[in-house]
């Protein structure tokens, strides 16, 4: 089973209207966040996103946005490891 990170904290945003169905996001995602359904990408499980940014960097139509490496999931995990208060994460 692929890793799941924290629930509902990923900075990943996806606009299926802009998707051209190239499938690159599904190909490059190391955790299977995206899958192809007919001719569009769909989010298989947003909570698997580790915010690496590979999907957004490979989307020519800018249908995907993610704050790579500085996302909320990263900040919450480091806060927990350091036993500090978790940051407030906004949409």
PDB file of N, CA and C in Angstrom:
ATOM      1  N   UNK A   1       0.844  -1.179   0.000  1.00  0.00           N
ATOM      2  CA  UNK A   1       0.000   0.000   0.000  1.00  0.00           C
ATOM      3  C   UNK A   1       0.892   1.246   0.000  1.00  0.00           C
ATOM      4  N   UNK A   2       0.640   2.206  -0.891  1.00  0.00           N
ATOM      5  CA  UNK A   2       1.441   3.433  -0.916  1.00  0.00           C
ATOM      6  C   UNK A   2       1.294   4.220   0.380  1.00  0.00           C
ATOM      7  N   UNK A   3       2.317   4.948   0.715  1.00  0.00           N
ATOM      8  CA  UNK A   3       2.286   5.761   1.924  1.00  0.00           C
ATOM      9  C   UNK A   3       1.211   6.823   1.854  1.00  0.00           C
ATOM     10  N   UNK A   4       0.601   7.086   2.991  1.00  0.00           N
ATOM     11  CA  UNK A   4      -0.288   8.225   3.112  1.00  0.00           C
ATOM     12  C   UNK A   4       0.351   9.161   4.114  1.00  0.00           C
ATOM     13  N   UNK A   5       0.299  10.417   3.814  1.00  0.00           N
ATOM     14  CA  UNK A   5       0.841  11.407   4.724  1.00  0.00           C
ATOM     15  C   UNK A   5      -0.319  11.910   5.572  1.00  0.00           C
ATOM     16  N   UNK A   6      -0.330  13.108   5.980  1.00  0.00           N
ATOM     17  CA  UNK A   6      -1.394  13.629   6.829  1.00  0.00           C
ATOM     18  C   UNK A   6      -2.645  13.938   6.016  1.00  0.00           C
ATOM     19  N   UNK A   7      -3.787  13.769   6.617  1.00  0.00           N
ATOM     20  CA  UNK A   7      -5.068  13.995   5.943  1.00  0.00           C
ATOM     21  C   UNK A   7      -5.336  15.489   5.735  1.00  0.00           C
ATOM     22  N   UNK A   8      -5.776  15.830   4.548  1.00  0.00           N
ATOM     23  CA  UNK A   8      -6.280  17.165   4.210  1.00  0.00           C
ATOM     24  C   UNK A   8      -5.320  18.322   4.478  1.00  0.00           C
ATOM     25  N   UNK A   9      -4.026  18.109   4.272  1.00  0.00           N
ATOM     26  CA  UNK A   9      -3.083  19.204   4.483  1.00  0.00           C
ATOM     27  C   UNK A   9      -2.226  19.514   3.257  1.00  0.00           C
ATOM     28  N   UNK A  10      -2.284  18.712   2.244  1.00  0.00           N
ATOM     29  CA  UNK A  10      -1.454  18.935   1.063  1.00  0.00           C
ATOM     30  C   UNK A  10      -1.833  20.236   0.370  1.00  0.00           C
ATOM     31  N   UNK A  11      -0.834  20.923  -0.167  1.00  0.00           N
ATOM     32  CA  UNK A  11      -1.075  22.159  -0.907  1.00  0.00           C
ATOM     33  C   UNK A  11      -1.487  21.889  -2.356  1.00  0.00           C
ATOM     34  N   UNK A  12      -1.614  20.620  -2.727  1.00  0.00           N
ATOM     35  CA  UNK A  12      -1.951  20.224  -4.095  1.00  0.00           C
ATOM     36  C   UNK A  12      -3.311  20.768  -4.520  1.00  0.00           C
ATOM     37  N   UNK A  13      -3.317  21.421  -5.665  1.00  0.00           N
ATOM     38  CA  UNK A  13      -4.565  21.894  -6.278  1.00  0.00           C
ATOM     39  C   UNK A  13      -4.588  21.408  -7.723  1.00  0.00           C
ATOM     40  N   UNK A  14      -5.727  20.901  -8.137  1.00  0.00           N
ATOM     41  CA  UNK A  14      -5.870  20.342  -9.487  1.00  0.00           C
ATOM     42  C   UNK A  14      -7.134  20.885 -10.127  1.00  0.00           C
ATOM     43  N   UNK A  15      -7.012  21.386 -11.369  1.00  0.00           N
ATOM     44  CA  UNK A  15      -8.140  21.906 -12.132  1.00  0.00           C
ATOM     45  C   UNK A  15      -8.392  20.981 -13.318  1.00  0.00           C
ATOM     46  N   UNK A  16      -9.356  20.056 -13.200  1.00  0.00           N
ATOM     47  CA  UNK A  16      -9.596  19.100 -14.278  1.00  0.00           C
ATOM     48  C   UNK A  16     -10.061  19.745 -15.581  1.00  0.00           C
ATOM     49  N   UNK A  17     -10.599  20.942 -15.519  1.00  0.00           N
ATOM     50  CA  UNK A  17     -11.038  21.640 -16.738  1.00  0.00           C
ATOM     51  C   UNK A  17      -9.838  21.958 -17.624  1.00  0.00           C
ATOM     52  N   UNK A  18      -8.712  22.275 -17.022  1.00  0.00           N
ATOM     53  CA  UNK A  18      -7.510  22.612 -17.788  1.00  0.00           C
ATOM     54  C   UNK A  18      -6.753  21.383 -18.271  1.00  0.00           C
ATOM     55  N   UNK A  19      -7.068  20.206 -17.754  1.00  0.00           N
ATOM     56  CA  UNK A  19      -6.339  18.978 -18.082  1.00  0.00           C
ATOM     57  C   UNK A  19      -6.561  18.580 -19.538  1.00  0.00           C
ATOM     58  N   UNK A  20      -5.462  18.283 -20.230  1.00  0.00           N
ATOM     59  CA  UNK A  20      -5.531  17.842 -21.626  1.00  0.00           C
ATOM     60  C   UNK A  20      -5.449  16.324 -21.740  1.00  0.00           C
ATOM     61  N   UNK A  21      -5.236  15.645 -20.629  1.00  0.00           N
ATOM     62  CA  UNK A  21      -5.186  14.184 -20.647  1.00  0.00           C
ATOM     63  C   UNK A  21      -3.888  13.590 -21.111  1.00  0.00           C
ATOM     64  N   UNK A  22      -2.782  14.301 -20.969  1.00  0.00           N
ATOM     65  CA  UNK A  22      -1.493  13.775 -21.428  1.00  0.00           C
ATOM     66  C   UNK A  22      -0.988  12.629 -20.554  1.00  0.00           C
ATOM     67  N   UNK A  23      -1.378  12.603 -19.289  1.00  0.00           N
ATOM     68  CA  UNK A  23      -0.990  11.529 -18.387  1.00  0.00           C
ATOM     69  C   UNK A  23       0.364  11.675 -17.720  1.00  0.00           C
ATOM     70  N   UNK A  24       1.059  12.771 -17.976  1.00  0.00           N
ATOM     71  CA  UNK A  24       2.386  12.940 -17.373  1.00  0.00           C
ATOM     72  C   UNK A  24       2.323  13.002 -15.852  1.00  0.00           C
ATOM     73  N   UNK A  25       1.284  13.624 -15.309  1.00  0.00           N
ATOM     74  CA  UNK A  25       1.181  13.704 -13.848  1.00  0.00           C
ATOM     75  C   UNK A  25       1.113  12.311 -13.235  1.00  0.00           C
ATOM     76  N   UNK A  26       0.344  11.431 -13.833  1.00  0.00           N
ATOM     77  CA  UNK A  26       0.227  10.051 -13.338  1.00  0.00           C
ATOM     78  C   UNK A  26       1.547   9.301 -13.517  1.00  0.00           C
ATOM     79  N   UNK A  27       2.265   9.584 -14.596  1.00  0.00           N
ATOM     80  CA  UNK A  27       3.536   8.905 -14.860  1.00  0.00           C
ATOM     81  C   UNK A  27       4.637   9.307 -13.878  1.00  0.00           C
ATOM     82  N   UNK A  28       4.696  10.587 -13.505  1.00  0.00           N
ATOM     83  CA  UNK A  28       5.813  11.071 -12.696  1.00  0.00           C
ATOM     84  C   UNK A  28       5.559  11.036 -11.193  1.00  0.00           C
ATOM     85  N   UNK A  29       4.324  10.891 -10.776  1.00  0.00           N
ATOM     86  CA  UNK A  29       4.016  10.914  -9.339  1.00  0.00           C
ATOM     87  C   UNK A  29       4.537   9.643  -8.657  1.00  0.00           C
ATOM     88  N   UNK A  30       5.430   9.791  -7.677  1.00  0.00           N
ATOM     89  CA  UNK A  30       5.990   8.612  -7.021  1.00  0.00           C
ATOM     90  C   UNK A  30       5.025   7.904  -6.074  1.00  0.00           C
ATOM     91  N   UNK A  31       3.901   8.523  -5.761  1.00  0.00           N
ATOM     92  CA  UNK A  31       2.959   7.930  -4.812  1.00  0.00           C
ATOM     93  C   UNK A  31       1.584   7.639  -5.403  1.00  0.00           C
ATOM     94  N   UNK A  32       1.424   7.767  -6.691  1.00  0.00           N
ATOM     95  CA  UNK A  32       0.155   7.424  -7.321  1.00  0.00           C
ATOM     96  C   UNK A  32      -1.002   8.329  -6.947  1.00  0.00           C
ATOM     97  N   UNK A  33      -0.723   9.610  -6.780  1.00  0.00           N
ATOM     98  CA  UNK A  33      -1.779  10.562  -6.435  1.00  0.00           C
ATOM     99  C   UNK A  33      -2.764  10.719  -7.592  1.00  0.00           C
ATOM    100  N   UNK A  34      -2.249  10.672  -8.819  1.00  0.00           N
ATOM    101  CA  UNK A  34      -3.083  10.810 -10.003  1.00  0.00           C
ATOM    102  C   UNK A  34      -3.237   9.472 -10.723  1.00  0.00           C
ATOM    103  N   UNK A  35      -4.376   9.296 -11.372  1.00  0.00           N
ATOM    104  CA  UNK A  35      -4.573   8.166 -12.281  1.00  0.00           C
ATOM    105  C   UNK A  35      -5.347   8.697 -13.480  1.00  0.00           C
ATOM    106  N   UNK A  36      -5.294   7.964 -14.566  1.00  0.00           N
ATOM    107  CA  UNK A  36      -6.008   8.381 -15.770  1.00  0.00           C
ATOM    108  C   UNK A  36      -7.369   7.701 -15.826  1.00  0.00           C
ATOM    109  N   UNK A  37      -8.372   8.478 -16.189  1.00  0.00           N
ATOM    110  CA  UNK A  37      -9.736   7.970 -16.337  1.00  0.00           C
ATOM    111  C   UNK A  37     -10.256   8.488 -17.673  1.00  0.00           C
ATOM    112  N   UNK A  38     -10.359   7.605 -18.621  1.00  0.00           N
ATOM    113  CA  UNK A  38     -10.718   7.942 -20.000  1.00  0.00           C
ATOM    114  C   UNK A  38      -9.650   8.880 -20.549  1.00  0.00           C
ATOM    115  N   UNK A  39      -9.938  10.163 -20.689  1.00  0.00           N
ATOM    116  CA  UNK A  39      -8.940  11.092 -21.237  1.00  0.00           C
ATOM    117  C   UNK A  39      -8.621  12.245 -20.301  1.00  0.00           C
ATOM    118  N   UNK A  40      -8.800  12.034 -19.019  1.00  0.00           N
ATOM    119  CA  UNK A  40      -8.497  13.068 -18.023  1.00  0.00           C
ATOM    120  C   UNK A  40      -7.791  12.435 -16.839  1.00  0.00           C
ATOM    121  N   UNK A  41      -6.967  13.220 -16.193  1.00  0.00           N
ATOM    122  CA  UNK A  41      -6.370  12.778 -14.934  1.00  0.00           C
ATOM    123  C   UNK A  41      -7.394  13.002 -13.827  1.00  0.00           C
ATOM    124  N   UNK A  42      -7.372  12.127 -12.852  1.00  0.00           N
ATOM    125  CA  UNK A  42      -8.206  12.289 -11.659  1.00  0.00           C
ATOM    126  C   UNK A  42      -7.320  12.076 -10.435  1.00  0.00           C
ATOM    127  N   UNK A  43      -7.718  12.681  -9.348  1.00  0.00           N
ATOM    128  CA  UNK A  43      -6.991  12.484  -8.102  1.00  0.00           C
ATOM    129  C   UNK A  43      -7.386  11.138  -7.521  1.00  0.00           C
ATOM    130  N   UNK A  44      -6.442  10.226  -7.468  1.00  0.00           N
ATOM    131  CA  UNK A  44      -6.699   8.906  -6.893  1.00  0.00           C
ATOM    132  C   UNK A  44      -6.749   9.015  -5.370  1.00  0.00           C
ATOM    133  N   UNK A  45      -5.813   9.759  -4.793  1.00  0.00           N
ATOM    134  CA  UNK A  45      -5.777   9.963  -3.345  1.00  0.00           C
ATOM    135  C   UNK A  45      -4.885  11.157  -3.040  1.00  0.00           C
ATOM    136  N   UNK A  46      -5.500  12.303  -2.823  1.00  0.00           N
ATOM    137  CA  UNK A  46      -4.782  13.552  -2.560  1.00  0.00           C
ATOM    138  C   UNK A  46      -3.893  13.442  -1.318  1.00  0.00           C
ATOM    139  N   UNK A  47      -4.306  12.641  -0.348  1.00  0.00           N
ATOM    140  CA  UNK A  47      -3.549  12.523   0.894  1.00  0.00           C
ATOM    141  C   UNK A  47      -2.241  11.750   0.746  1.00  0.00           C
ATOM    142  N   UNK A  48      -2.014  11.128  -0.390  1.00  0.00           N
ATOM    143  CA  UNK A  48      -0.727  10.476  -0.657  1.00  0.00           C
ATOM    144  C   UNK A  48       0.345  11.474  -1.099  1.00  0.00           C
ATOM    145  N   UNK A  49      -0.068  12.677  -1.423  1.00  0.00           N
ATOM    146  CA  UNK A  49       0.858  13.678  -1.960  1.00  0.00           C
ATOM    147  C   UNK A  49       1.934  14.047  -0.945  1.00  0.00           C
ATOM    148  N   UNK A  50       3.190  13.943  -1.376  1.00  0.00           N
ATOM    149  CA  UNK A  50       4.305  14.337  -0.515  1.00  0.00           C
ATOM    150  C   UNK A  50       4.850  15.708  -0.930  1.00  0.00           C
ATOM    151  N   UNK A  51       4.146  16.373  -1.816  1.00  0.00           N
ATOM    152  CA  UNK A  51       4.447  17.734  -2.253  1.00  0.00           C
ATOM    153  C   UNK A  51       5.828  17.872  -2.901  1.00  0.00           C
ATOM    154  N   UNK A  52       6.193  16.886  -3.714  1.00  0.00           N
ATOM    155  CA  UNK A  52       7.491  16.958  -4.401  1.00  0.00           C
ATOM    156  C   UNK A  52       7.453  17.925  -5.586  1.00  0.00           C
ATOM    157  N   UNK A  53       6.282  18.122  -6.176  1.00  0.00           N
ATOM    158  CA  UNK A  53       6.137  19.066  -7.275  1.00  0.00           C
ATOM    159  C   UNK A  53       6.341  18.497  -8.663  1.00  0.00           C
ATOM    160  N   UNK A  54       6.618  17.206  -8.772  1.00  0.00           N
ATOM    161  CA  UNK A  54       6.875  16.606 -10.086  1.00  0.00           C
ATOM    162  C   UNK A  54       5.667  16.753 -11.011  1.00  0.00           C
ATOM    163  N   UNK A  55       4.477  16.577 -10.481  1.00  0.00           N
ATOM    164  CA  UNK A  55       3.273  16.669 -11.313  1.00  0.00           C
ATOM    165  C   UNK A  55       3.116  18.077 -11.887  1.00  0.00           C
ATOM    166  N   UNK A  56       3.261  19.081 -11.043  1.00  0.00           N
ATOM    167  CA  UNK A  56       3.094  20.468 -11.488  1.00  0.00           C
ATOM    168  C   UNK A  56       4.172  20.863 -12.494  1.00  0.00           C
ATOM    169  N   UNK A  57       5.405  20.429 -12.276  1.00  0.00           N
ATOM    170  CA  UNK A  57       6.498  20.772 -13.200  1.00  0.00           C
ATOM    171  C   UNK A  57       6.301  20.158 -14.576  1.00  0.00           C
ATOM    172  N   UNK A  58       5.564  19.067 -14.643  1.00  0.00           N
ATOM    173  CA  UNK A  58       5.358  18.388 -15.920  1.00  0.00           C
ATOM    174  C   UNK A  58       4.017  18.694 -16.571  1.00  0.00           C
ATOM    175  N   UNK A  59       3.219  19.553 -15.966  1.00  0.00           N
ATOM    176  CA  UNK A  59       1.911  19.906 -16.526  1.00  0.00           C
ATOM    177  C   UNK A  59       2.031  21.180 -17.361  1.00  0.00           C
ATOM    178  N   UNK A  60       2.039  21.013 -18.674  1.00  0.00           N
ATOM    179  CA  UNK A  60       2.221  22.154 -19.590  1.00  0.00           C
ATOM    180  C   UNK A  60       1.056  23.133 -19.549  1.00  0.00           C
ATOM    181  N   UNK A  61      -0.121  22.668 -19.150  1.00  0.00           N
ATOM    182  CA  UNK A  61      -1.306  23.530 -19.150  1.00  0.00           C
ATOM    183  C   UNK A  61      -1.615  24.127 -17.779  1.00  0.00           C
ATOM    184  N   UNK A  62      -0.704  23.958 -16.841  1.00  0.00           N
ATOM    185  CA  UNK A  62      -0.819  24.508 -15.489  1.00  0.00           C
ATOM    186  C   UNK A  62      -2.161  24.126 -14.837  1.00  0.00           C
ATOM    187  N   UNK A  63      -2.525  22.867 -14.977  1.00  0.00           N
ATOM    188  CA  UNK A  63      -3.741  22.364 -14.334  1.00  0.00           C
ATOM    189  C   UNK A  63      -3.460  21.935 -12.897  1.00  0.00           C
ATOM    190  N   UNK A  64      -2.176  21.878 -12.537  1.00  0.00           N
ATOM    191  CA  UNK A  64      -1.774  21.412 -11.219  1.00  0.00           C
ATOM    192  C   UNK A  64      -0.872  22.445 -10.561  1.00  0.00           C
ATOM    193  N   UNK A  65      -1.152  22.710  -9.297  1.00  0.00           N
ATOM    194  CA  UNK A  65      -0.303  23.589  -8.497  1.00  0.00           C
ATOM    195  C   UNK A  65       0.019  22.869  -7.200  1.00  0.00           C
ATOM    196  N   UNK A  66       1.238  23.020  -6.722  1.00  0.00           N
ATOM    197  CA  UNK A  66       1.630  22.484  -5.422  1.00  0.00           C
ATOM    198  C   UNK A  66       2.831  23.278  -4.928  1.00  0.00           C
ATOM    199  N   UNK A  67       2.848  23.575  -3.655  1.00  0.00           N
ATOM    200  CA  UNK A  67       3.992  24.269  -3.060  1.00  0.00           C
ATOM    201  C   UNK A  67       5.027  23.217  -2.693  1.00  0.00           C
ATOM    202  N   UNK A  68       5.869  22.904  -3.628  1.00  0.00           N
ATOM    203  CA  UNK A  68       6.849  21.826  -3.465  1.00  0.00           C
ATOM    204  C   UNK A  68       7.853  22.132  -2.360  1.00  0.00           C
ATOM    205  N   UNK A  69       8.022  21.170  -1.465  1.00  0.00           N
ATOM    206  CA  UNK A  69       9.037  21.257  -0.433  1.00  0.00           C
ATOM    207  C   UNK A  69       8.740  22.184   0.720  1.00  0.00           C
ATOM    208  N   UNK A  70       7.715  22.992   0.626  1.00  0.00           N
ATOM    209  CA  UNK A  70       7.388  23.915   1.706  1.00  0.00           C
ATOM    210  C   UNK A  70       5.927  23.775   2.107  1.00  0.00           C
ATOM    211  N   UNK A  71       5.341  22.676   1.757  1.00  0.00           N
ATOM    212  CA  UNK A  71       3.922  22.474   2.015  1.00  0.00           C
ATOM    213  C   UNK A  71       3.598  22.226   3.465  1.00  0.00           C
ATOM    214  N   UNK A  72       2.337  22.239   3.743  1.00  0.00           N
ATOM    215  CA  UNK A  72       1.839  22.098   5.093  1.00  0.00           C
ATOM    216  C   UNK A  72       2.154  20.720   5.680  1.00  0.00           C
ATOM    217  N   UNK A  73       2.050  19.672   4.880  1.00  0.00           N
ATOM    218  CA  UNK A  73       2.327  18.330   5.394  1.00  0.00           C
ATOM    219  C   UNK A  73       3.752  18.256   5.947  1.00  0.00           C
ATOM    220  N   UNK A  74       4.682  18.814   5.229  1.00  0.00           N
ATOM    221  CA  UNK A  74       6.078  18.850   5.658  1.00  0.00           C
ATOM    222  C   UNK A  74       6.208  19.591   6.992  1.00  0.00           C
ATOM    223  N   UNK A  75       5.576  20.746   7.079  1.00  0.00           N
ATOM    224  CA  UNK A  75       5.666  21.562   8.290  1.00  0.00           C
ATOM    225  C   UNK A  75       5.030  20.866   9.487  1.00  0.00           C
ATOM    226  N   UNK A  76       3.913  20.214   9.286  1.00  0.00           N
ATOM    227  CA  UNK A  76       3.249  19.514  10.389  1.00  0.00           C
ATOM    228  C   UNK A  76       4.095  18.343  10.870  1.00  0.00           C
ATOM    229  N   UNK A  77       4.666  17.585   9.937  1.00  0.00           N
ATOM    230  CA  UNK A  77       5.499  16.448  10.339  1.00  0.00           C
ATOM    231  C   UNK A  77       6.723  16.904  11.135  1.00  0.00           C
ATOM    232  N   UNK A  78       7.379  17.963  10.679  1.00  0.00           N
ATOM    233  CA  UNK A  78       8.546  18.450  11.409  1.00  0.00           C
ATOM    234  C   UNK A  78       8.151  19.015  12.763  1.00  0.00           C
ATOM    235  N   UNK A  79       7.008  19.654  12.860  1.00  0.00           N
ATOM    236  CA  UNK A  79       6.543  20.162  14.146  1.00  0.00           C
ATOM    237  C   UNK A  79       6.318  19.013  15.119  1.00  0.00           C
ATOM    238  N   UNK A  80       5.707  17.944  14.633  1.00  0.00           N
ATOM    239  CA  UNK A  80       5.462  16.781  15.489  1.00  0.00           C
ATOM    240  C   UNK A  80       6.770  16.153  15.952  1.00  0.00           C
ATOM    241  N   UNK A  81       7.717  16.023  15.040  1.00  0.00           N
ATOM    242  CA  UNK A  81       9.007  15.437  15.408  1.00  0.00           C
ATOM    243  C   UNK A  81       9.762  16.293  16.420  1.00  0.00           C
ATOM    244  N   UNK A  82       9.605  17.583  16.314  1.00  0.00           N
ATOM    245  CA  UNK A  82      10.286  18.507  17.231  1.00  0.00           C
ATOM    246  C   UNK A  82       9.460  18.816  18.469  1.00  0.00           C
ATOM    247  N   UNK A  83       8.261  18.213  18.537  1.00  0.00           N
ATOM    248  CA  UNK A  83       7.336  18.420  19.664  1.00  0.00           C
ATOM    249  C   UNK A  83       7.006  19.894  19.863  1.00  0.00           C
ATOM    250  N   UNK A  84       6.720  20.538  18.751  1.00  0.00           N
ATOM    251  CA  UNK A  84       6.323  21.958  18.742  1.00  0.00           C
ATOM    252  C   UNK A  84       4.888  22.045  18.236  1.00  0.00           C
ATOM    253  N   UNK A  85       4.221  23.160  18.473  1.00  0.00           N
ATOM    254  CA  UNK A  85       2.843  23.316  17.972  1.00  0.00           C
ATOM    255  C   UNK A  85       2.797  23.245  16.444  1.00  0.00           C
ATOM    256  N   UNK A  86       1.764  22.604  15.944  1.00  0.00           N
ATOM    257  CA  UNK A  86       1.588  22.482  14.491  1.00  0.00           C
ATOM    258  C   UNK A  86       1.194  23.825  13.896  1.00  0.00           C
ATOM    259  N   UNK A  87       1.660  24.127  12.685  1.00  0.00           N
ATOM    260  CA  UNK A  87       1.276  25.379  12.035  1.00  0.00           C
ATOM    261  C   UNK A  87      -0.188  25.361  11.618  1.00  0.00           C
ATOM    262  N   UNK A  88      -0.754  26.513  11.469  1.00  0.00           N
ATOM    263  CA  UNK A  88      -2.116  26.629  10.928  1.00  0.00           C
ATOM    264  C   UNK A  88      -1.999  26.655   9.419  1.00  0.00           C
ATOM    265  N   UNK A  89      -2.637  25.731   8.763  1.00  0.00           N
ATOM    266  CA  UNK A  89      -2.531  25.604   7.310  1.00  0.00           C
ATOM    267  C   UNK A  89      -3.792  26.094   6.650  1.00  0.00           C
ATOM    268  N   UNK A  90      -3.666  27.075   5.788  1.00  0.00           N
ATOM    269  CA  UNK A  90      -4.809  27.608   5.076  1.00  0.00           C
ATOM    270  C   UNK A  90      -4.871  27.080   3.660  1.00  0.00           C
ATOM    271  N   UNK A  91      -6.016  27.205   3.048  1.00  0.00           N
ATOM    272  CA  UNK A  91      -6.186  26.801   1.663  1.00  0.00           C
ATOM    273  C   UNK A  91      -5.712  27.876   0.730  1.00  0.00           C
TER     274      UNK A  91
END
